[in-house]
Amino acid sequence: MPKFIFAYHGGGMPETPEEGEKAMAQWGAWYGELGDKVVDGGAPVGMSSTVSAGGVADNGGANPLSGYTVVEAADHAAANEMAKGCPLVQDGSGSVEVAPIMEM
């Protein structure tokens, strides 16, 4: 089955332990719905650097990555449907970029 990467943009770190517990519960529930389609649960990521011919910019770029997950889905449309359940999408705090992982 094809694999897709979900690249998360937006969201933020919880400010209190209670907010952290709530966020973890939301992500856990969504992952539970996805079941064995989750290949790699991924993780949040820190501030990125952008490396180009002009040098290195330590600013996260125009739309900083906040985390990732790898899933299996029948096709791109199915992966898009799966991504709609992401807590970042559900609460409006971020978005999910969905891209197929190309077999080499």
PDB file of N, CA and C in Angstrom:
ATOM      1  N   MET A   1       0.845  -1.176   0.000  1.00  0.00           N
ATOM      2  CA  MET A   1       0.000   0.000   0.000  1.00  0.00           C
ATOM      3  C   MET A   1       0.892   1.241   0.000  1.00  0.00           C
ATOM      4  N   PRO A   2       0.521   2.274  -0.747  1.00  0.00           N
ATOM      5  CA  PRO A   2       1.333   3.496  -0.814  1.00  0.00           C
ATOM      6  C   PRO A   2       1.452   4.177   0.552  1.00  0.00           C
ATOM      7  N   LYS A   3       2.588   4.848   0.749  1.00  0.00           N
ATOM      8  CA  LYS A   3       2.835   5.603   1.977  1.00  0.00           C
ATOM      9  C   LYS A   3       2.782   7.093   1.669  1.00  0.00           C
ATOM     10  N   PHE A   4       2.322   7.849   2.660  1.00  0.00           N
ATOM     11  CA  PHE A   4       2.216   9.302   2.549  1.00  0.00           C
ATOM     12  C   PHE A   4       2.794   9.933   3.798  1.00  0.00           C
ATOM     13  N   ILE A   5       3.415  11.088   3.609  1.00  0.00           N
ATOM     14  CA  ILE A   5       3.883  11.843   4.766  1.00  0.00           C
ATOM     15  C   ILE A   5       2.888  12.963   5.032  1.00  0.00           C
ATOM     16  N   PHE A   6       2.529  13.115   6.287  1.00  0.00           N
ATOM     17  CA  PHE A   6       1.733  14.249   6.738  1.00  0.00           C
ATOM     18  C   PHE A   6       2.724  15.231   7.361  1.00  0.00           C
ATOM     19  N   ALA A   7       2.887  16.386   6.760  1.00  0.00           N
ATOM     20  CA  ALA A   7       3.765  17.432   7.286  1.00  0.00           C
ATOM     21  C   ALA A   7       2.871  18.477   7.934  1.00  0.00           C
ATOM     22  N   TYR A   8       3.044  18.662   9.237  1.00  0.00           N
ATOM     23  CA  TYR A   8       2.191  19.565   9.994  1.00  0.00           C
ATOM     24  C   TYR A   8       2.773  20.961  10.027  1.00  0.00           C
ATOM     25  N   HIS A   9       1.882  21.945   9.857  1.00  0.00           N
ATOM     26  CA  HIS A   9       2.243  23.355   9.932  1.00  0.00           C
ATOM     27  C   HIS A   9       1.294  24.017  10.915  1.00  0.00           C
ATOM     28  N   GLY A  10       1.839  24.790  11.831  1.00  0.00           N
ATOM     29  CA  GLY A  10       0.997  25.500  12.791  1.00  0.00           C
ATOM     30  C   GLY A  10       0.908  24.775  14.116  1.00  0.00           C
ATOM     31  N   GLY A  11      -0.115  25.121  14.859  1.00  0.00           N
ATOM     32  CA  GLY A  11      -0.250  24.578  16.202  1.00  0.00           C
ATOM     33  C   GLY A  11       0.715  25.295  17.124  1.00  0.00           C
ATOM     34  N   GLY A  12       0.965  24.706  18.254  1.00  0.00           N
ATOM     35  CA  GLY A  12       1.888  25.310  19.200  1.00  0.00           C
ATOM     36  C   GLY A  12       2.075  24.410  20.395  1.00  0.00           C
ATOM     37  N   MET A  13       3.033  24.753  21.211  1.00  0.00           N
ATOM     38  CA  MET A  13       3.293  23.979  22.419  1.00  0.00           C
ATOM     39  C   MET A  13       2.261  24.354  23.476  1.00  0.00           C
ATOM     40  N   PRO A  14       1.722  23.352  24.175  1.00  0.00           N
ATOM     41  CA  PRO A  14       0.770  23.648  25.248  1.00  0.00           C
ATOM     42  C   PRO A  14       1.422  24.513  26.325  1.00  0.00           C
ATOM     43  N   GLU A  15       0.635  25.423  26.896  1.00  0.00           N
ATOM     44  CA  GLU A  15       1.170  26.327  27.902  1.00  0.00           C
ATOM     45  C   GLU A  15       1.055  25.775  29.320  1.00  0.00           C
ATOM     46  N   THR A  16       0.168  24.808  29.525  1.00  0.00           N
ATOM     47  CA  THR A  16      -0.009  24.227  30.853  1.00  0.00           C
ATOM     48  C   THR A  16       0.003  22.705  30.741  1.00  0.00           C
ATOM     49  N   PRO A  17       0.261  22.013  31.834  1.00  0.00           N
ATOM     50  CA  PRO A  17       0.191  20.544  31.806  1.00  0.00           C
ATOM     51  C   PRO A  17      -1.200  20.046  31.391  1.00  0.00           C
ATOM     52  N   GLU A  18      -2.233  20.745  31.809  1.00  0.00           N
ATOM     53  CA  GLU A  18      -3.601  20.348  31.442  1.00  0.00           C
ATOM     54  C   GLU A  18      -3.822  20.450  29.934  1.00  0.00           C
ATOM     55  N   GLU A  19      -3.328  21.539  29.332  1.00  0.00           N
ATOM     56  CA  GLU A  19      -3.431  21.691  27.873  1.00  0.00           C
ATOM     57  C   GLU A  19      -2.638  20.591  27.175  1.00  0.00           C
ATOM     58  N   GLY A  20      -1.475  20.238  27.736  1.00  0.00           N
ATOM     59  CA  GLY A  20      -0.659  19.169  27.169  1.00  0.00           C
ATOM     60  C   GLY A  20      -1.378  17.832  27.209  1.00  0.00           C
ATOM     61  N   GLU A  21      -2.024  17.533  28.319  1.00  0.00           N
ATOM     62  CA  GLU A  21      -2.777  16.279  28.446  1.00  0.00           C
ATOM     63  C   GLU A  21      -3.937  16.244  27.453  1.00  0.00           C
ATOM     64  N   LYS A  22      -4.633  17.371  27.313  1.00  0.00           N
ATOM     65  CA  LYS A  22      -5.756  17.445  26.369  1.00  0.00           C
ATOM     66  C   LYS A  22      -5.262  17.217  24.937  1.00  0.00           C
ATOM     67  N   ALA A  23      -4.153  17.873  24.579  1.00  0.00           N
ATOM     68  CA  ALA A  23      -3.595  17.726  23.224  1.00  0.00           C
ATOM     69  C   ALA A  23      -3.180  16.281  22.972  1.00  0.00           C
ATOM     70  N   MET A  24      -2.505  15.664  23.932  1.00  0.00           N
ATOM     71  CA  MET A  24      -2.069  14.268  23.769  1.00  0.00           C
ATOM     72  C   MET A  24      -3.269  13.337  23.620  1.00  0.00           C
ATOM     73  N   ALA A  25      -4.337  13.619  24.341  1.00  0.00           N
ATOM     74  CA  ALA A  25      -5.552  12.802  24.229  1.00  0.00           C
ATOM     75  C   ALA A  25      -6.164  12.938  22.835  1.00  0.00           C
ATOM     76  N   GLN A  26      -6.181  14.165  22.298  1.00  0.00           N
ATOM     77  CA  GLN A  26      -6.730  14.381  20.954  1.00  0.00           C
ATOM     78  C   GLN A  26      -5.909  13.645  19.900  1.00  0.00           C
ATOM     79  N   TRP A  27      -4.576  13.756  19.989  1.00  0.00           N
ATOM     80  CA  TRP A  27      -3.708  13.069  19.031  1.00  0.00           C
ATOM     81  C   TRP A  27      -3.836  11.556  19.187  1.00  0.00           C
ATOM     82  N   GLY A  28      -3.899  11.074  20.429  1.00  0.00           N
ATOM     83  CA  GLY A  28      -4.050   9.644  20.674  1.00  0.00           C
ATOM     84  C   GLY A  28      -5.351   9.101  20.110  1.00  0.00           C
ATOM     85  N   ALA A  29      -6.433   9.874  20.248  1.00  0.00           N
ATOM     86  CA  ALA A  29      -7.726   9.453  19.702  1.00  0.00           C
ATOM     87  C   ALA A  29      -7.675   9.389  18.179  1.00  0.00           C
ATOM     88  N   TRP A  30      -7.051  10.388  17.562  1.00  0.00           N
ATOM     89  CA  TRP A  30      -6.957  10.391  16.095  1.00  0.00           C
ATOM     90  C   TRP A  30      -6.106   9.225  15.613  1.00  0.00           C
ATOM     91  N   TYR A  31      -4.958   9.014  16.251  1.00  0.00           N
ATOM     92  CA  TYR A  31      -4.120   7.869  15.878  1.00  0.00           C
ATOM     93  C   TYR A  31      -4.881   6.563  16.082  1.00  0.00           C
ATOM     94  N   GLY A  32      -5.703   6.498  17.117  1.00  0.00           N
ATOM     95  CA  GLY A  32      -6.524   5.310  17.348  1.00  0.00           C
ATOM     96  C   GLY A  32      -7.488   5.065  16.205  1.00  0.00           C
ATOM     97  N   GLU A  33      -8.070   6.137  15.666  1.00  0.00           N
ATOM     98  CA  GLU A  33      -8.976   6.018  14.519  1.00  0.00           C
ATOM     99  C   GLU A  33      -8.223   5.524  13.283  1.00  0.00           C
ATOM    100  N   LEU A  34      -6.992   5.993  13.110  1.00  0.00           N
ATOM    101  CA  LEU A  34      -6.196   5.595  11.944  1.00  0.00           C
ATOM    102  C   LEU A  34      -5.705   4.154  12.073  1.00  0.00           C
ATOM    103  N   GLY A  35      -5.532   3.680  13.296  1.00  0.00           N
ATOM    104  CA  GLY A  35      -5.130   2.293  13.543  1.00  0.00           C
ATOM    105  C   GLY A  35      -3.809   1.932  12.899  1.00  0.00           C
ATOM    106  N   ASP A  36      -3.806   0.763  12.249  1.00  0.00           N
ATOM    107  CA  ASP A  36      -2.553   0.258  11.678  1.00  0.00           C
ATOM    108  C   ASP A  36      -2.123   0.978  10.405  1.00  0.00           C
ATOM    109  N   LYS A  37      -2.877   1.993   9.990  1.00  0.00           N
ATOM    110  CA  LYS A  37      -2.455   2.802   8.833  1.00  0.00           C
ATOM    111  C   LYS A  37      -1.304   3.737   9.200  1.00  0.00           C
ATOM    112  N   VAL A  38      -1.077   3.933  10.512  1.00  0.00           N
ATOM    113  CA  VAL A  38       0.047   4.757  10.958  1.00  0.00           C
ATOM    114  C   VAL A  38       1.313   3.907  10.882  1.00  0.00           C
ATOM    115  N   VAL A  39       2.203   4.260   9.978  1.00  0.00           N
ATOM    116  CA  VAL A  39       3.470   3.543   9.788  1.00  0.00           C
ATOM    117  C   VAL A  39       4.519   4.073  10.762  1.00  0.00           C
ATOM    118  N   ASP A  40       4.569   5.398  10.917  1.00  0.00           N
ATOM    119  CA  ASP A  40       5.512   6.058  11.817  1.00  0.00           C
ATOM    120  C   ASP A  40       4.759   7.225  12.438  1.00  0.00           C
ATOM    121  N   GLY A  41       4.535   7.158  13.739  1.00  0.00           N
ATOM    122  CA  GLY A  41       3.794   8.212  14.422  1.00  0.00           C
ATOM    123  C   GLY A  41       4.463   9.565  14.368  1.00  0.00           C
ATOM    124  N   GLY A  42       5.728   9.591  13.976  1.00  0.00           N
ATOM    125  CA  GLY A  42       6.438  10.848  13.830  1.00  0.00           C
ATOM    126  C   GLY A  42       6.650  11.545  15.146  1.00  0.00           C
ATOM    127  N   ALA A  43       6.762  12.869  15.097  1.00  0.00           N
ATOM    128  CA  ALA A  43       7.044  13.672  16.279  1.00  0.00           C
ATOM    129  C   ALA A  43       6.921  15.146  15.936  1.00  0.00           C
ATOM    130  N   PRO A  44       6.778  15.976  16.962  1.00  0.00           N
ATOM    131  CA  PRO A  44       6.916  17.411  16.728  1.00  0.00           C
ATOM    132  C   PRO A  44       8.373  17.698  16.371  1.00  0.00           C
ATOM    133  N   VAL A  45       8.616  18.819  15.734  1.00  0.00           N
ATOM    134  CA  VAL A  45       9.981  19.213  15.396  1.00  0.00           C
ATOM    135  C   VAL A  45      10.246  20.626  15.905  1.00  0.00           C
ATOM    136  N   GLY A  46      11.531  20.926  16.109  1.00  0.00           N
ATOM    137  CA  GLY A  46      11.942  22.258  16.532  1.00  0.00           C
ATOM    138  C   GLY A  46      12.091  23.185  15.340  1.00  0.00           C
ATOM    139  N   MET A  47      12.557  24.383  15.608  1.00  0.00           N
ATOM    140  CA  MET A  47      12.744  25.383  14.549  1.00  0.00           C
ATOM    141  C   MET A  47      13.755  24.879  13.527  1.00  0.00           C
ATOM    142  N   SER A  48      13.391  24.993  12.274  1.00  0.00           N
ATOM    143  CA  SER A  48      14.255  24.499  11.200  1.00  0.00           C
ATOM    144  C   SER A  48      15.157  25.606  10.655  1.00  0.00           C
ATOM    145  N   SER A  49      16.162  25.166   9.928  1.00  0.00           N
ATOM    146  CA  SER A  49      17.030  26.055   9.170  1.00  0.00           C
ATOM    147  C   SER A  49      16.736  25.825   7.694  1.00  0.00           C
ATOM    148  N   THR A  50      16.895  26.851   6.895  1.00  0.00           N
ATOM    149  CA  THR A  50      16.754  26.723   5.450  1.00  0.00           C
ATOM    150  C   THR A  50      18.134  26.913   4.835  1.00  0.00           C
ATOM    151  N   VAL A  51      18.609  25.883   4.147  1.00  0.00           N
ATOM    152  CA  VAL A  51      19.932  25.910   3.534  1.00  0.00           C
ATOM    153  C   VAL A  51      19.763  26.090   2.030  1.00  0.00           C
ATOM    154  N   SER A  52      20.401  27.104   1.483  1.00  0.00           N
ATOM    155  CA  SER A  52      20.341  27.360   0.044  1.00  0.00           C
ATOM    156  C   SER A  52      21.712  27.803  -0.433  1.00  0.00           C
ATOM    157  N   ALA A  53      21.828  28.036  -1.727  1.00  0.00           N
ATOM    158  CA  ALA A  53      23.099  28.498  -2.283  1.00  0.00           C
ATOM    159  C   ALA A  53      23.512  29.831  -1.663  1.00  0.00           C
ATOM    160  N   GLY A  54      22.534  30.590  -1.163  1.00  0.00           N
ATOM    161  CA  GLY A  54      22.826  31.882  -0.563  1.00  0.00           C
ATOM    162  C   GLY A  54      23.260  31.815   0.892  1.00  0.00           C
ATOM    163  N   GLY A  55      23.203  30.625   1.480  1.00  0.00           N
ATOM    164  CA  GLY A  55      23.615  30.487   2.881  1.00  0.00           C
ATOM    165  C   GLY A  55      22.576  29.751   3.706  1.00  0.00           C
ATOM    166  N   VAL A  56      22.618  29.994   4.997  1.00  0.00           N
ATOM    167  CA  VAL A  56      21.721  29.329   5.937  1.00  0.00           C
ATOM    168  C   VAL A  56      20.879  30.376   6.646  1.00  0.00           C
ATOM    169  N   ALA A  57      19.570  30.172   6.649  1.00  0.00           N
ATOM    170  CA  ALA A  57      18.650  31.046   7.373  1.00  0.00           C
ATOM    171  C   ALA A  57      18.029  30.234   8.504  1.00  0.00           C
ATOM    172  N   ASP A  58      18.175  30.703   9.727  1.00  0.00           N
ATOM    173  CA  ASP A  58      17.639  30.011  10.892  1.00  0.00           C
ATOM    174  C   ASP A  58      16.296  30.605  11.302  1.00  0.00           C
ATOM    175  N   ASN A  59      15.360  30.617  10.358  1.00  0.00           N
ATOM    176  CA  ASN A  59      14.078  31.262  10.634  1.00  0.00           C
ATOM    177  C   ASN A  59      12.872  30.352  10.424  1.00  0.00           C
ATOM    178  N   GLY A  60      13.067  29.102  10.114  1.00  0.00           N
ATOM    179  CA  GLY A  60      11.951  28.196   9.910  1.00  0.00           C
ATOM    180  C   GLY A  60      11.303  28.296   8.535  1.00  0.00           C
ATOM    181  N   GLY A  61      11.719  29.219   7.719  1.00  0.00           N
ATOM    182  CA  GLY A  61      11.141  29.357   6.387  1.00  0.00           C
ATOM    183  C   GLY A  61       9.796  30.063   6.402  1.00  0.00           C
ATOM    184  N   ALA A  62       9.148  30.113   5.254  1.00  0.00           N
ATOM    185  CA  ALA A  62       7.895  30.842   5.109  1.00  0.00           C
ATOM    186  C   ALA A  62       6.734  30.180   5.849  1.00  0.00           C
ATOM    187  N   ASN A  63       6.749  28.867   5.953  1.00  0.00           N
ATOM    188  CA  ASN A  63       5.669  28.130   6.611  1.00  0.00           C
ATOM    189  C   ASN A  63       6.305  27.003   7.418  1.00  0.00           C
ATOM    190  N   PRO A  64       6.801  27.300   8.612  1.00  0.00           N
ATOM    191  CA  PRO A  64       7.604  26.330   9.363  1.00  0.00           C
ATOM    192  C   PRO A  64       6.888  25.000   9.613  1.00  0.00           C
ATOM    193  N   LEU A  65       7.646  23.954   9.501  1.00  0.00           N
ATOM    194  CA  LEU A  65       7.180  22.610   9.805  1.00  0.00           C
ATOM    195  C   LEU A  65       7.081  22.472  11.313  1.00  0.00           C
ATOM    196  N   SER A  66       5.981  21.864  11.805  1.00  0.00           N
ATOM    197  CA  SER A  66       5.851  21.671  13.249  1.00  0.00           C
ATOM    198  C   SER A  66       5.872  20.197  13.644  1.00  0.00           C
ATOM    199  N   GLY A  67       5.808  19.288  12.653  1.00  0.00           N
ATOM    200  CA  GLY A  67       5.873  17.861  12.952  1.00  0.00           C
ATOM    201  C   GLY A  67       5.537  17.041  11.724  1.00  0.00           C
ATOM    202  N   TYR A  68       5.514  15.714  11.891  1.00  0.00           N
ATOM    203  CA  TYR A  68       5.229  14.825  10.767  1.00  0.00           C
ATOM    204  C   TYR A  68       4.681  13.489  11.262  1.00  0.00           C
ATOM    205  N   THR A  69       4.040  12.775  10.358  1.00  0.00           N
ATOM    206  CA  THR A  69       3.585  11.400  10.556  1.00  0.00           C
ATOM    207  C   THR A  69       3.659  10.718   9.200  1.00  0.00           C
ATOM    208  N   VAL A  70       3.922   9.413   9.173  1.00  0.00           N
ATOM    209  CA  VAL A  70       3.888   8.634   7.942  1.00  0.00           C
ATOM    210  C   VAL A  70       2.735   7.636   8.063  1.00  0.00           C
ATOM    211  N   VAL A  71       1.881   7.596   7.029  1.00  0.00           N
ATOM    212  CA  VAL A  71       0.726   6.701   7.013  1.00  0.00           C
ATOM    213  C   VAL A  71       0.692   5.891   5.719  1.00  0.00           C
ATOM    214  N   GLU A  72      -0.107   4.851   5.717  1.00  0.00           N
ATOM    215  CA  GLU A  72      -0.413   4.114   4.497  1.00  0.00           C
ATOM    216  C   GLU A  72      -1.857   4.411   4.124  1.00  0.00           C
ATOM    217  N   ALA A  73      -2.103   4.575   2.836  1.00  0.00           N
ATOM    218  CA  ALA A  73      -3.455   4.831   2.335  1.00  0.00           C
ATOM    219  C   ALA A  73      -3.567   4.271   0.930  1.00  0.00           C
ATOM    220  N   ALA A  74      -4.775   3.979   0.532  1.00  0.00           N
ATOM    221  CA  ALA A  74      -5.015   3.410  -0.803  1.00  0.00           C
ATOM    222  C   ALA A  74      -4.552   4.353  -1.904  1.00  0.00           C
ATOM    223  N   ASP A  75      -4.752   5.662  -1.700  1.00  0.00           N
ATOM    224  CA  ASP A  75      -4.364   6.656  -2.698  1.00  0.00           C
ATOM    225  C   ASP A  75      -4.315   8.027  -2.029  1.00  0.00           C
ATOM    226  N   HIS A  76      -3.967   9.040  -2.815  1.00  0.00           N
ATOM    227  CA  HIS A  76      -3.814  10.391  -2.285  1.00  0.00           C
ATOM    228  C   HIS A  76      -5.128  10.913  -1.704  1.00  0.00           C
ATOM    229  N   ALA A  77      -6.224  10.642  -2.391  1.00  0.00           N
ATOM    230  CA  ALA A  77      -7.528  11.104  -1.899  1.00  0.00           C
ATOM    231  C   ALA A  77      -7.842  10.496  -0.534  1.00  0.00           C
ATOM    232  N   ALA A  78      -7.534   9.225  -0.358  1.00  0.00           N
ATOM    233  CA  ALA A  78      -7.774   8.567   0.929  1.00  0.00           C
ATOM    234  C   ALA A  78      -6.883   9.163   2.013  1.00  0.00           C
ATOM    235  N   ALA A  79      -5.636   9.473   1.679  1.00  0.00           N
ATOM    236  CA  ALA A  79      -4.732  10.094   2.646  1.00  0.00           C
ATOM    237  C   ALA A  79      -5.237  11.487   3.032  1.00  0.00           C
ATOM    238  N   ASN A  80      -5.754  12.244   2.057  1.00  0.00           N
ATOM    239  CA  ASN A  80      -6.324  13.561   2.351  1.00  0.00           C
ATOM    240  C   ASN A  80      -7.482  13.441   3.329  1.00  0.00           C
ATOM    241  N   GLU A  81      -8.333  12.462   3.125  1.00  0.00           N
ATOM    242  CA  GLU A  81      -9.472  12.237   4.029  1.00  0.00           C
ATOM    243  C   GLU A  81      -8.981  11.918   5.431  1.00  0.00           C
ATOM    244  N   MET A  82      -7.952  11.101   5.538  1.00  0.00           N
ATOM    245  CA  MET A  82      -7.382  10.767   6.840  1.00  0.00           C
ATOM    246  C   MET A  82      -6.873  12.026   7.531  1.00  0.00           C
ATOM    247  N   ALA A  83      -6.203  12.902   6.781  1.00  0.00           N
ATOM    248  CA  ALA A  83      -5.609  14.111   7.348  1.00  0.00           C
ATOM    249  C   ALA A  83      -6.662  15.077   7.887  1.00  0.00           C
ATOM    250  N   LYS A  84      -7.873  15.021   7.378  1.00  0.00           N
ATOM    251  CA  LYS A  84      -8.935  15.916   7.846  1.00  0.00           C
ATOM    252  C   LYS A  84      -9.263  15.711   9.323  1.00  0.00           C
ATOM    253  N   GLY A  85      -8.916  14.534   9.867  1.00  0.00           N
ATOM    254  CA  GLY A  85      -9.172  14.268  11.275  1.00  0.00           C
ATOM    255  C   GLY A  85      -8.084  14.761  12.205  1.00  0.00           C
ATOM    256  N   CYS A  86      -6.992  15.296  11.670  1.00  0.00           N
ATOM    257  CA  CYS A  86      -5.868  15.773  12.476  1.00  0.00           C
ATOM    258  C   CYS A  86      -6.339  16.854  13.456  1.00  0.00           C
ATOM    259  N   PRO A  87      -5.900  16.778  14.712  1.00  0.00           N
ATOM    260  CA  PRO A  87      -6.290  17.810  15.680  1.00  0.00           C
ATOM    261  C   PRO A  87      -5.980  19.242  15.246  1.00  0.00           C
ATOM    262  N   LEU A  88      -4.885  19.462  14.514  1.00  0.00           N
ATOM    263  CA  LEU A  88      -4.568  20.809  14.027  1.00  0.00           C
ATOM    264  C   LEU A  88      -5.628  21.318  13.056  1.00  0.00           C
ATOM    265  N   VAL A  89      -6.156  20.424  12.242  1.00  0.00           N
ATOM    266  CA  VAL A  89      -7.201  20.781  11.286  1.00  0.00           C
ATOM    267  C   VAL A  89      -8.522  20.970  12.021  1.00  0.00           C
ATOM    268  N   GLN A  90      -8.815  20.054  12.919  1.00  0.00           N
ATOM    269  CA  GLN A  90     -10.079  20.090  13.648  1.00  0.00           C
ATOM    270  C   GLN A  90     -10.239  21.362  14.482  1.00  0.00           C
ATOM    271  N   ASP A  91      -9.144  21.815  15.128  1.00  0.00           N
ATOM    272  CA  ASP A  91      -9.280  23.016  15.967  1.00  0.00           C
ATOM    273  C   ASP A  91      -8.911  24.300  15.227  1.00  0.00           C
ATOM    274  N   GLY A  92      -8.515  24.180  13.951  1.00  0.00           N
ATOM    275  CA  GLY A  92      -8.221  25.351  13.138  1.00  0.00           C
ATOM    276  C   GLY A  92      -6.884  26.007  13.426  1.00  0.00           C
ATOM    277  N   SER A  93      -6.010  25.341  14.209  1.00  0.00           N
ATOM    278  CA  SER A  93      -4.738  25.968  14.570  1.00  0.00           C
ATOM    279  C   SER A  93      -3.611  25.693  13.582  1.00  0.00           C
ATOM    280  N   GLY A  94      -3.871  24.834  12.574  1.00  0.00           N
ATOM    281  CA  GLY A  94      -2.812  24.506  11.628  1.00  0.00           C
ATOM    282  C   GLY A  94      -3.330  23.773  10.419  1.00  0.00           C
ATOM    283  N   SER A  95      -2.405  23.215   9.659  1.00  0.00           N
ATOM    284  CA  SER A  95      -2.765  22.500   8.441  1.00  0.00           C
ATOM    285  C   SER A  95      -1.872  21.276   8.283  1.00  0.00           C
ATOM    286  N   VAL A  96      -2.280  20.396   7.385  1.00  0.00           N
ATOM    287  CA  VAL A  96      -1.513  19.191   7.090  1.00  0.00           C
ATOM    288  C   VAL A  96      -1.208  19.170   5.600  1.00  0.00           C
ATOM    289  N   GLU A  97       0.058  19.107   5.280  1.00  0.00           N
ATOM    290  CA  GLU A  97       0.498  18.941   3.896  1.00  0.00           C
ATOM    291  C   GLU A  97       0.636  17.441   3.681  1.00  0.00           C
ATOM    292  N   VAL A  98      -0.030  16.914   2.650  1.00  0.00           N
ATOM    293  CA  VAL A  98      -0.030  15.466   2.381  1.00  0.00           C
ATOM    294  C   VAL A  98       0.736  15.206   1.088  1.00  0.00           C
ATOM    295  N   ALA A  99       1.782  14.362   1.170  1.00  0.00           N
ATOM    296  CA  ALA A  99       2.591  14.063  -0.010  1.00  0.00           C
ATOM    297  C   ALA A  99       2.895  12.589  -0.075  1.00  0.00           C
ATOM    298  N   PRO A 100       2.817  12.002  -1.285  1.00  0.00           N
ATOM    299  CA  PRO A 100       3.181  10.588  -1.411  1.00  0.00           C
ATOM    300  C   PRO A 100       4.689  10.403  -1.248  1.00  0.00           C
ATOM    301  N   ILE A 101       5.052   9.316  -0.621  1.00  0.00           N
ATOM    302  CA  ILE A 101       6.465   8.956  -0.495  1.00  0.00           C
ATOM    303  C   ILE A 101       6.784   8.070  -1.703  1.00  0.00           C
ATOM    304  N   MET A 102       7.668   8.538  -2.539  1.00  0.00           N
ATOM    305  CA  MET A 102       7.971   7.838  -3.785  1.00  0.00           C
ATOM    306  C   MET A 102       8.904   6.671  -3.534  1.00  0.00           C
ATOM    307  N   GLU A 103       8.557   5.506  -4.062  1.00  0.00           N
ATOM    308  CA  GLU A 103       9.412   4.330  -3.952  1.00  0.00           C
ATOM    309  C   GLU A 103      10.557   4.475  -4.938  1.00  0.00           C
ATOM    310  N   MET A 104      11.782   4.241  -4.487  1.00  0.00           N
ATOM    311  CA  MET A 104      12.941   4.358  -5.361  1.00  0.00           C
ATOM    312  C   MET A 104      13.545   2.995  -5.587  1.00  0.00           C
TER     313      MET A 104
END
